[in-house]
Every structure is written in C-alpha cells, then in structure tokens.
Amino acid sequence: MELVDFIRDNYADLKSGKEISGSFRFNGFNNLHNAFGSVEVLSAKVRGNYVDIELLDTFDFNKNDKNPLVKMGRSAQETGKLNPYFTIVKCRYKLK
C-alpha cells in the first residue's frame, strides 16, 4: 500500500514525464515492513503504462531502535561481527 501511496502522491509529476526520487516507510508488521522497513526511492519514472521504480534498502541495525533484537544486532554491527549492506530492488507498477 505504501508504494501505491508514493505513486499516488507523485502521480502528476510522474505523468508529466518527471523522474521522481524520495523515501517512504513500510508500516505495520507485514513482510515488506519486516524485509525493508524504510526505503529510498532512487528513481520512479513512467514508461508506457507502467511506473518503473528502483528502491534502495540499507540493511543495518538502527542506533536508536528500542527493539531488543535490533539492539543485539546493532551491538554485533558495532563490533564488526555484522557488516551493513544494501540491496536495490526494481519494481514495476501498472498504471490504472
């Protein structure tokens, strides 16, 4: 739903041919929230009847998160036992 909201919020600019960037957070306790949390939109652009979107997700453990599991991961990250990394995900959304 959050991806659809991002497209809806930027629909006029997308339809006019602009390439959009930004960020948003997947909310709730669902698979996308658990997999990504917050993402950066590197690029969103209309191509024909679709919006092609590139998302950047950085896998790291946020410093101020209150979740004990995240704190444990952050501790391991700070001592070099875990290394942050990133993924780029390409999505295609069909315009209605």
PDB file of N, CA and C in Angstrom:
ATOM      1  N   MET A   1       0.811  -1.191   0.000  1.00  0.00           N
ATOM      2  CA  MET A   1       0.000   0.000   0.000  1.00  0.00           C
ATOM      3  C   MET A   1       0.858   1.261   0.000  1.00  0.00           C
ATOM      4  N   GLU A   2       1.995   1.216   0.693  1.00  0.00           N
ATOM      5  CA  GLU A   2       2.851   2.401   0.792  1.00  0.00           C
ATOM      6  C   GLU A   2       3.443   2.781  -0.560  1.00  0.00           C
ATOM      7  N   LEU A   3       3.783   1.773  -1.367  1.00  0.00           N
ATOM      8  CA  LEU A   3       4.303   2.045  -2.704  1.00  0.00           C
ATOM      9  C   LEU A   3       3.221   2.709  -3.565  1.00  0.00           C
ATOM     10  N   VAL A   4       2.016   2.226  -3.472  1.00  0.00           N
ATOM     11  CA  VAL A   4       0.887   2.823  -4.194  1.00  0.00           C
ATOM     12  C   VAL A   4       0.678   4.267  -3.729  1.00  0.00           C
ATOM     13  N   ASP A   5       0.775   4.500  -2.424  1.00  0.00           N
ATOM     14  CA  ASP A   5       0.636   5.865  -1.896  1.00  0.00           C
ATOM     15  C   ASP A   5       1.720   6.782  -2.450  1.00  0.00           C
ATOM     16  N   PHE A   6       2.954   6.285  -2.544  1.00  0.00           N
ATOM     17  CA  PHE A   6       4.051   7.085  -3.093  1.00  0.00           C
ATOM     18  C   PHE A   6       3.745   7.468  -4.543  1.00  0.00           C
ATOM     19  N   ILE A   7       3.273   6.505  -5.316  1.00  0.00           N
ATOM     20  CA  ILE A   7       2.929   6.779  -6.713  1.00  0.00           C
ATOM     21  C   ILE A   7       1.772   7.770  -6.789  1.00  0.00           C
ATOM     22  N   ARG A   8       0.748   7.556  -5.980  1.00  0.00           N
ATOM     23  CA  ARG A   8      -0.412   8.456  -5.975  1.00  0.00           C
ATOM     24  C   ARG A   8       0.010   9.886  -5.595  1.00  0.00           C
ATOM     25  N   ASP A   9       0.861  10.014  -4.588  1.00  0.00           N
ATOM     26  CA  ASP A   9       1.298  11.338  -4.144  1.00  0.00           C
ATOM     27  C   ASP A   9       2.124  12.072  -5.206  1.00  0.00           C
ATOM     28  N   ASN A  10       2.752  11.319  -6.092  1.00  0.00           N
ATOM     29  CA  ASN A  10       3.623  11.906  -7.118  1.00  0.00           C
ATOM     30  C   ASN A  10       3.072  11.725  -8.532  1.00  0.00           C
ATOM     31  N   TYR A  11       1.798  11.358  -8.627  1.00  0.00           N
ATOM     32  CA  TYR A  11       1.199  10.987  -9.903  1.00  0.00           C
ATOM     33  C   TYR A  11       1.302  12.097 -10.958  1.00  0.00           C
ATOM     34  N   ALA A  12       0.984  13.321 -10.591  1.00  0.00           N
ATOM     35  CA  ALA A  12       1.002  14.422 -11.562  1.00  0.00           C
ATOM     36  C   ALA A  12       2.401  14.603 -12.150  1.00  0.00           C
ATOM     37  N   ASP A  13       3.420  14.593 -11.304  1.00  0.00           N
ATOM     38  CA  ASP A  13       4.795  14.746 -11.792  1.00  0.00           C
ATOM     39  C   ASP A  13       5.216  13.553 -12.646  1.00  0.00           C
ATOM     40  N   LEU A  14       4.841  12.350 -12.219  1.00  0.00           N
ATOM     41  CA  LEU A  14       5.183  11.156 -12.990  1.00  0.00           C
ATOM     42  C   LEU A  14       4.537  11.204 -14.372  1.00  0.00           C
ATOM     43  N   LYS A  15       3.246  11.536 -14.425  1.00  0.00           N
ATOM     44  CA  LYS A  15       2.538  11.591 -15.710  1.00  0.00           C
ATOM     45  C   LYS A  15       3.088  12.681 -16.626  1.00  0.00           C
ATOM     46  N   SER A  16       3.676  13.726 -16.042  1.00  0.00           N
ATOM     47  CA  SER A  16       4.244  14.793 -16.867  1.00  0.00           C
ATOM     48  C   SER A  16       5.639  14.435 -17.389  1.00  0.00           C
ATOM     49  N   GLY A  17       6.134  13.250 -17.014  1.00  0.00           N
ATOM     50  CA  GLY A  17       7.426  12.795 -17.527  1.00  0.00           C
ATOM     51  C   GLY A  17       8.596  12.987 -16.590  1.00  0.00           C
ATOM     52  N   LYS A  18       8.349  13.548 -15.423  1.00  0.00           N
ATOM     53  CA  LYS A  18       9.447  13.769 -14.474  1.00  0.00           C
ATOM     54  C   LYS A  18       9.884  12.453 -13.834  1.00  0.00           C
ATOM     55  N   GLU A  19      11.169  12.385 -13.540  1.00  0.00           N
ATOM     56  CA  GLU A  19      11.710  11.270 -12.766  1.00  0.00           C
ATOM     57  C   GLU A  19      11.702  11.691 -11.304  1.00  0.00           C
ATOM     58  N   ILE A  20      11.145  10.853 -10.437  1.00  0.00           N
ATOM     59  CA  ILE A  20      10.921  11.201  -9.037  1.00  0.00           C
ATOM     60  C   ILE A  20      11.842  10.363  -8.153  1.00  0.00           C
ATOM     61  N   SER A  21      12.290  10.962  -7.070  1.00  0.00           N
ATOM     62  CA  SER A  21      13.014  10.223  -6.025  1.00  0.00           C
ATOM     63  C   SER A  21      12.400  10.617  -4.685  1.00  0.00           C
ATOM     64  N   GLY A  22      12.780   9.921  -3.640  1.00  0.00           N
ATOM     65  CA  GLY A  22      12.250  10.233  -2.313  1.00  0.00           C
ATOM     66  C   GLY A  22      12.464   9.062  -1.384  1.00  0.00           C
ATOM     67  N   SER A  23      11.599   8.920  -0.419  1.00  0.00           N
ATOM     68  CA  SER A  23      11.704   7.808   0.524  1.00  0.00           C
ATOM     69  C   SER A  23      10.340   7.574   1.162  1.00  0.00           C
ATOM     70  N   PHE A  24      10.171   6.383   1.702  1.00  0.00           N
ATOM     71  CA  PHE A  24       8.981   6.079   2.478  1.00  0.00           C
ATOM     72  C   PHE A  24       9.256   4.869   3.355  1.00  0.00           C
ATOM     73  N   ARG A  25       8.346   4.648   4.289  1.00  0.00           N
ATOM     74  CA  ARG A  25       8.470   3.552   5.245  1.00  0.00           C
ATOM     75  C   ARG A  25       7.303   2.590   5.059  1.00  0.00           C
ATOM     76  N   PHE A  26       7.610   1.303   5.026  1.00  0.00           N
ATOM     77  CA  PHE A  26       6.558   0.289   5.050  1.00  0.00           C
ATOM     78  C   PHE A  26       6.080   0.177   6.488  1.00  0.00           C
ATOM     79  N   ASN A  27       4.789   0.337   6.690  1.00  0.00           N
ATOM     80  CA  ASN A  27       4.221   0.344   8.037  1.00  0.00           C
ATOM     81  C   ASN A  27       3.626  -1.006   8.388  1.00  0.00           C
ATOM     82  N   GLY A  28       3.330  -1.185   9.647  1.00  0.00           N
ATOM     83  CA  GLY A  28       2.678  -2.414  10.099  1.00  0.00           C
ATOM     84  C   GLY A  28       3.669  -3.558  10.229  1.00  0.00           C
ATOM     85  N   PHE A  29       3.160  -4.686  10.638  1.00  0.00           N
ATOM     86  CA  PHE A  29       4.003  -5.867  10.782  1.00  0.00           C
ATOM     87  C   PHE A  29       3.654  -6.839   9.667  1.00  0.00           C
ATOM     88  N   ASN A  30       4.147  -6.521   8.486  1.00  0.00           N
ATOM     89  CA  ASN A  30       3.928  -7.376   7.331  1.00  0.00           C
ATOM     90  C   ASN A  30       5.273  -7.717   6.714  1.00  0.00           C
ATOM     91  N   ASN A  31       5.255  -8.513   5.674  1.00  0.00           N
ATOM     92  CA  ASN A  31       6.505  -8.961   5.069  1.00  0.00           C
ATOM     93  C   ASN A  31       7.363  -7.819   4.555  1.00  0.00           C
ATOM     94  N   LEU A  32       6.753  -6.807   3.910  1.00  0.00           N
ATOM     95  CA  LEU A  32       7.556  -5.709   3.374  1.00  0.00           C
ATOM     96  C   LEU A  32       8.153  -4.861   4.486  1.00  0.00           C
ATOM     97  N   HIS A  33       7.400  -4.645   5.554  1.00  0.00           N
ATOM     98  CA  HIS A  33       7.964  -3.904   6.687  1.00  0.00           C
ATOM     99  C   HIS A  33       9.131  -4.682   7.284  1.00  0.00           C
ATOM    100  N   ASN A  34       8.937  -5.970   7.479  1.00  0.00           N
ATOM    101  CA  ASN A  34       9.994  -6.788   8.079  1.00  0.00           C
ATOM    102  C   ASN A  34      11.203  -6.907   7.164  1.00  0.00           C
ATOM    103  N   ALA A  35      10.982  -6.939   5.860  1.00  0.00           N
ATOM    104  CA  ALA A  35      12.097  -7.073   4.920  1.00  0.00           C
ATOM    105  C   ALA A  35      12.826  -5.757   4.703  1.00  0.00           C
ATOM    106  N   PHE A  36      12.082  -4.649   4.608  1.00  0.00           N
ATOM    107  CA  PHE A  36      12.689  -3.383   4.220  1.00  0.00           C
ATOM    108  C   PHE A  36      12.655  -2.305   5.287  1.00  0.00           C
ATOM    109  N   GLY A  37      11.576  -2.163   6.011  1.00  0.00           N
ATOM    110  CA  GLY A  37      11.440  -1.025   6.923  1.00  0.00           C
ATOM    111  C   GLY A  37      11.283   0.244   6.114  1.00  0.00           C
ATOM    112  N   SER A  38      12.327   1.041   6.042  1.00  0.00           N
ATOM    113  CA  SER A  38      12.325   2.269   5.239  1.00  0.00           C
ATOM    114  C   SER A  38      13.161   2.056   3.989  1.00  0.00           C
ATOM    115  N   VAL A  39      12.754   2.708   2.903  1.00  0.00           N
ATOM    116  CA  VAL A  39      13.498   2.602   1.648  1.00  0.00           C
ATOM    117  C   VAL A  39      13.684   3.982   1.035  1.00  0.00           C
ATOM    118  N   GLU A  40      14.724   4.103   0.250  1.00  0.00           N
ATOM    119  CA  GLU A  40      14.940   5.285  -0.576  1.00  0.00           C
ATOM    120  C   GLU A  40      14.465   4.941  -1.977  1.00  0.00           C
ATOM    121  N   VAL A  41      13.726   5.838  -2.583  1.00  0.00           N
ATOM    122  CA  VAL A  41      13.334   5.673  -3.972  1.00  0.00           C
ATOM    123  C   VAL A  41      14.411   6.363  -4.803  1.00  0.00           C
ATOM    124  N   LEU A  42      15.231   5.562  -5.464  1.00  0.00           N
ATOM    125  CA  LEU A  42      16.297   6.124  -6.284  1.00  0.00           C
ATOM    126  C   LEU A  42      15.726   6.751  -7.550  1.00  0.00           C
ATOM    127  N   SER A  43      14.701   6.091  -8.107  1.00  0.00           N
ATOM    128  CA  SER A  43      14.124   6.563  -9.347  1.00  0.00           C
ATOM    129  C   SER A  43      12.726   5.984  -9.513  1.00  0.00           C
ATOM    130  N   ALA A  44      11.799   6.828  -9.923  1.00  0.00           N
ATOM    131  CA  ALA A  44      10.463   6.397 -10.329  1.00  0.00           C
ATOM    132  C   ALA A  44      10.145   7.171 -11.597  1.00  0.00           C
ATOM    133  N   LYS A  45       9.802   6.433 -12.660  1.00  0.00           N
ATOM    134  CA  LYS A  45       9.565   7.077 -13.956  1.00  0.00           C
ATOM    135  C   LYS A  45       8.526   6.283 -14.725  1.00  0.00           C
ATOM    136  N   VAL A  46       7.636   6.993 -15.395  1.00  0.00           N
ATOM    137  CA  VAL A  46       6.622   6.351 -16.219  1.00  0.00           C
ATOM    138  C   VAL A  46       7.275   5.856 -17.506  1.00  0.00           C
ATOM    139  N   ARG A  47       6.966   4.614 -17.831  1.00  0.00           N
ATOM    140  CA  ARG A  47       7.389   4.007 -19.096  1.00  0.00           C
ATOM    141  C   ARG A  47       6.164   3.288 -19.664  1.00  0.00           C
ATOM    142  N   GLY A  48       5.541   3.919 -20.652  1.00  0.00           N
ATOM    143  CA  GLY A  48       4.317   3.353 -21.218  1.00  0.00           C
ATOM    144  C   GLY A  48       3.194   3.366 -20.197  1.00  0.00           C
ATOM    145  N   ASN A  49       2.620   2.203 -19.928  1.00  0.00           N
ATOM    146  CA  ASN A  49       1.523   2.078 -18.958  1.00  0.00           C
ATOM    147  C   ASN A  49       2.005   1.681 -17.573  1.00  0.00           C
ATOM    148  N   TYR A  50       3.292   1.808 -17.324  1.00  0.00           N
ATOM    149  CA  TYR A  50       3.875   1.363 -16.062  1.00  0.00           C
ATOM    150  C   TYR A  50       4.713   2.470 -15.423  1.00  0.00           C
ATOM    151  N   VAL A  51       4.896   2.340 -14.114  1.00  0.00           N
ATOM    152  CA  VAL A  51       5.888   3.149 -13.404  1.00  0.00           C
ATOM    153  C   VAL A  51       7.002   2.180 -13.013  1.00  0.00           C
ATOM    154  N   ASP A  52       8.204   2.432 -13.510  1.00  0.00           N
ATOM    155  CA  ASP A  52       9.368   1.649 -13.109  1.00  0.00           C
ATOM    156  C   ASP A  52      10.011   2.343 -11.922  1.00  0.00           C
ATOM    157  N   ILE A  53      10.269   1.576 -10.873  1.00  0.00           N
ATOM    158  CA  ILE A  53      10.765   2.132  -9.610  1.00  0.00           C
ATOM    159  C   ILE A  53      11.985   1.349  -9.160  1.00  0.00           C
ATOM    160  N   GLU A  54      13.013   2.066  -8.732  1.00  0.00           N
ATOM    161  CA  GLU A  54      14.185   1.449  -8.123  1.00  0.00           C
ATOM    162  C   GLU A  54      14.241   1.872  -6.661  1.00  0.00           C
ATOM    163  N   LEU A  55      14.223   0.876  -5.767  1.00  0.00           N
ATOM    164  CA  LEU A  55      14.277   1.122  -4.328  1.00  0.00           C
ATOM    165  C   LEU A  55      15.636   0.707  -3.786  1.00  0.00           C
ATOM    166  N   LEU A  56      16.157   1.480  -2.870  1.00  0.00           N
ATOM    167  CA  LEU A  56      17.406   1.158  -2.176  1.00  0.00           C
ATOM    168  C   LEU A  56      17.067   0.868  -0.726  1.00  0.00           C
ATOM    169  N   ASP A  57      17.487  -0.287  -0.273  1.00  0.00           N
ATOM    170  CA  ASP A  57      17.306  -0.641   1.131  1.00  0.00           C
ATOM    171  C   ASP A  57      18.673  -0.907   1.731  1.00  0.00           C
ATOM    172  N   THR A  58      18.979  -0.216   2.800  1.00  0.00           N
ATOM    173  CA  THR A  58      20.231  -0.442   3.519  1.00  0.00           C
ATOM    174  C   THR A  58      19.938  -1.373   4.682  1.00  0.00           C
ATOM    175  N   PHE A  59      20.636  -2.478   4.729  1.00  0.00           N
ATOM    176  CA  PHE A  59      20.461  -3.432   5.815  1.00  0.00           C
ATOM    177  C   PHE A  59      21.471  -3.087   6.901  1.00  0.00           C
ATOM    178  N   ASP A  60      20.966  -2.485   7.942  1.00  0.00           N
ATOM    179  CA  ASP A  60      21.775  -2.186   9.117  1.00  0.00           C
ATOM    180  C   ASP A  60      20.842  -2.147  10.318  1.00  0.00           C
ATOM    181  N   PHE A  61      21.413  -2.054  11.465  1.00  0.00           N
ATOM    182  CA  PHE A  61      20.623  -2.034  12.696  1.00  0.00           C
ATOM    183  C   PHE A  61      20.643  -0.613  13.243  1.00  0.00           C
ATOM    184  N   ASN A  62      19.492   0.022  13.249  1.00  0.00           N
ATOM    185  CA  ASN A  62      19.379   1.429  13.612  1.00  0.00           C
ATOM    186  C   ASN A  62      19.803   1.679  15.051  1.00  0.00           C
ATOM    187  N   LYS A  63      20.572   2.714  15.230  1.00  0.00           N
ATOM    188  CA  LYS A  63      21.186   3.041  16.522  1.00  0.00           C
ATOM    189  C   LYS A  63      20.174   3.245  17.638  1.00  0.00           C
ATOM    190  N   ASN A  64      19.094   3.932  17.384  1.00  0.00           N
ATOM    191  CA  ASN A  64      18.160   4.295  18.462  1.00  0.00           C
ATOM    192  C   ASN A  64      16.921   3.417  18.532  1.00  0.00           C
ATOM    193  N   ASP A  65      16.931   2.284  17.848  1.00  0.00           N
ATOM    194  CA  ASP A  65      15.773   1.399  17.878  1.00  0.00           C
ATOM    195  C   ASP A  65      15.640   0.771  19.259  1.00  0.00           C
ATOM    196  N   LYS A  66      14.412   0.685  19.767  1.00  0.00           N
ATOM    197  CA  LYS A  66      14.179   0.155  21.125  1.00  0.00           C
ATOM    198  C   LYS A  66      13.986  -1.361  21.157  1.00  0.00           C
ATOM    199  N   ASN A  67      13.811  -1.970  20.008  1.00  0.00           N
ATOM    200  CA  ASN A  67      13.611  -3.411  19.935  1.00  0.00           C
ATOM    201  C   ASN A  67      14.880  -4.134  20.409  1.00  0.00           C
ATOM    202  N   PRO A  68      14.761  -5.041  21.404  1.00  0.00           N
ATOM    203  CA  PRO A  68      15.948  -5.739  21.924  1.00  0.00           C
ATOM    204  C   PRO A  68      16.712  -6.524  20.859  1.00  0.00           C
ATOM    205  N   LEU A  69      16.009  -7.073  19.882  1.00  0.00           N
ATOM    206  CA  LEU A  69      16.693  -7.815  18.818  1.00  0.00           C
ATOM    207  C   LEU A  69      17.508  -6.883  17.929  1.00  0.00           C
ATOM    208  N   VAL A  70      16.974  -5.695  17.661  1.00  0.00           N
ATOM    209  CA  VAL A  70      17.714  -4.708  16.876  1.00  0.00           C
ATOM    210  C   VAL A  70      18.923  -4.223  17.671  1.00  0.00           C
ATOM    211  N   LYS A  71      18.750  -4.019  18.971  1.00  0.00           N
ATOM    212  CA  LYS A  71      19.880  -3.605  19.819  1.00  0.00           C
ATOM    213  C   LYS A  71      20.985  -4.651  19.794  1.00  0.00           C
ATOM    214  N   MET A  72      20.593  -5.927  19.829  1.00  0.00           N
ATOM    215  CA  MET A  72      21.583  -7.005  19.789  1.00  0.00           C
ATOM    216  C   MET A  72      22.326  -6.977  18.448  1.00  0.00           C
ATOM    217  N   GLY A  73      21.577  -6.798  17.358  1.00  0.00           N
ATOM    218  CA  GLY A  73      22.199  -6.695  16.043  1.00  0.00           C
ATOM    219  C   GLY A  73      23.104  -5.483  15.940  1.00  0.00           C
ATOM    220  N   ARG A  74      22.679  -4.363  16.509  1.00  0.00           N
ATOM    221  CA  ARG A  74      23.492  -3.139  16.490  1.00  0.00           C
ATOM    222  C   ARG A  74      24.807  -3.355  17.224  1.00  0.00           C
ATOM    223  N   SER A  75      24.753  -4.046  18.350  1.00  0.00           N
ATOM    224  CA  SER A  75      25.960  -4.341  19.113  1.00  0.00           C
ATOM    225  C   SER A  75      26.939  -5.181  18.279  1.00  0.00           C
ATOM    226  N   ALA A  76      26.414  -6.191  17.610  1.00  0.00           N
ATOM    227  CA  ALA A  76      27.267  -7.024  16.747  1.00  0.00           C
ATOM    228  C   ALA A  76      27.807  -6.211  15.577  1.00  0.00           C
ATOM    229  N   GLN A  77      27.002  -5.315  15.055  1.00  0.00           N
ATOM    230  CA  GLN A  77      27.445  -4.464  13.951  1.00  0.00           C
ATOM    231  C   GLN A  77      28.570  -3.541  14.401  1.00  0.00           C
ATOM    232  N   GLU A  78      28.433  -2.961  15.587  1.00  0.00           N
ATOM    233  CA  GLU A  78      29.448  -2.029  16.084  1.00  0.00           C
ATOM    234  C   GLU A  78      30.775  -2.712  16.378  1.00  0.00           C
ATOM    235  N   THR A  79      30.748  -3.998  16.694  1.00  0.00           N
ATOM    236  CA  THR A  79      31.993  -4.718  16.967  1.00  0.00           C
ATOM    237  C   THR A  79      32.563  -5.389  15.715  1.00  0.00           C
ATOM    238  N   GLY A  80      31.904  -5.196  14.572  1.00  0.00           N
ATOM    239  CA  GLY A  80      32.409  -5.733  13.321  1.00  0.00           C
ATOM    240  C   GLY A  80      32.003  -7.172  13.025  1.00  0.00           C
ATOM    241  N   LYS A  81      31.122  -7.734  13.847  1.00  0.00           N
ATOM    242  CA  LYS A  81      30.677  -9.112  13.612  1.00  0.00           C
ATOM    243  C   LYS A  81      29.614  -9.187  12.520  1.00  0.00           C
ATOM    244  N   LEU A  82      28.928  -8.095  12.288  1.00  0.00           N
ATOM    245  CA  LEU A  82      27.962  -7.985  11.197  1.00  0.00           C
ATOM    246  C   LEU A  82      28.317  -6.757  10.369  1.00  0.00           C
ATOM    247  N   ASN A  83      28.212  -6.875   9.075  1.00  0.00           N
ATOM    248  CA  ASN A  83      28.505  -5.754   8.191  1.00  0.00           C
ATOM    249  C   ASN A  83      27.236  -5.271   7.507  1.00  0.00           C
ATOM    250  N   PRO A  84      26.969  -3.967   7.562  1.00  0.00           N
ATOM    251  CA  PRO A  84      25.815  -3.436   6.839  1.00  0.00           C
ATOM    252  C   PRO A  84      26.007  -3.641   5.333  1.00  0.00           C
ATOM    253  N   TYR A  85      24.916  -3.769   4.621  1.00  0.00           N
ATOM    254  CA  TYR A  85      24.971  -3.864   3.168  1.00  0.00           C
ATOM    255  C   TYR A  85      23.691  -3.268   2.606  1.00  0.00           C
ATOM    256  N   PHE A  86      23.617  -3.181   1.295  1.00  0.00           N
ATOM    257  CA  PHE A  86      22.418  -2.621   0.699  1.00  0.00           C
ATOM    258  C   PHE A  86      21.959  -3.502  -0.452  1.00  0.00           C
ATOM    259  N   THR A  87      20.684  -3.350  -0.780  1.00  0.00           N
ATOM    260  CA  THR A  87      20.105  -4.017  -1.941  1.00  0.00           C
ATOM    261  C   THR A  87      19.336  -2.983  -2.757  1.00  0.00           C
ATOM    262  N   ILE A  88      19.300  -3.207  -4.039  1.00  0.00           N
ATOM    263  CA  ILE A  88      18.487  -2.385  -4.932  1.00  0.00           C
ATOM    264  C   ILE A  88      17.426  -3.301  -5.513  1.00  0.00           C
ATOM    265  N   VAL A  89      16.181  -2.881  -5.381  1.00  0.00           N
ATOM    266  CA  VAL A  89      15.041  -3.665  -5.842  1.00  0.00           C
ATOM    267  C   VAL A  89      14.347  -2.884  -6.937  1.00  0.00           C
ATOM    268  N   LYS A  90      14.116  -3.550  -8.064  1.00  0.00           N
ATOM    269  CA  LYS A  90      13.399  -2.913  -9.171  1.00  0.00           C
ATOM    270  C   LYS A  90      11.962  -3.419  -9.177  1.00  0.00           C
ATOM    271  N   CYS A  91      11.023  -2.477  -9.249  1.00  0.00           N
ATOM    272  CA  CYS A  91       9.598  -2.798  -9.247  1.00  0.00           C
ATOM    273  C   CYS A  91       8.947  -2.192 -10.483  1.00  0.00           C
ATOM    274  N   ARG A  92       7.841  -2.775 -10.854  1.00  0.00           N
ATOM    275  CA  ARG A  92       7.044  -2.226 -11.952  1.00  0.00           C
ATOM    276  C   ARG A  92       5.597  -2.198 -11.487  1.00  0.00           C
ATOM    277  N   TYR A  93       4.992  -1.021 -11.582  1.00  0.00           N
ATOM    278  CA  TYR A  93       3.611  -0.837 -11.155  1.00  0.00           C
ATOM    279  C   TYR A  93       2.775  -0.448 -12.368  1.00  0.00           C
ATOM    280  N   LYS A  94       1.699  -1.173 -12.604  1.00  0.00           N
ATOM    281  CA  LYS A  94       0.829  -0.879 -13.752  1.00  0.00           C
ATOM    282  C   LYS A  94      -0.103   0.281 -13.417  1.00  0.00           C
ATOM    283  N   LEU A  95      -0.062   1.301 -14.244  1.00  0.00           N
ATOM    284  CA  LEU A  95      -0.966   2.439 -14.072  1.00  0.00           C
ATOM    285  C   LEU A  95      -2.375   2.035 -14.442  1.00  0.00           C
ATOM    286  N   LYS A  96      -3.329   2.571 -13.704  1.00  0.00           N
ATOM    287  CA  LYS A  96      -4.743   2.253 -13.966  1.00  0.00           C
ATOM    288  C   LYS A  96      -5.416   3.359 -14.710  1.00  0.00           C
TER     289      LYS A  96
END
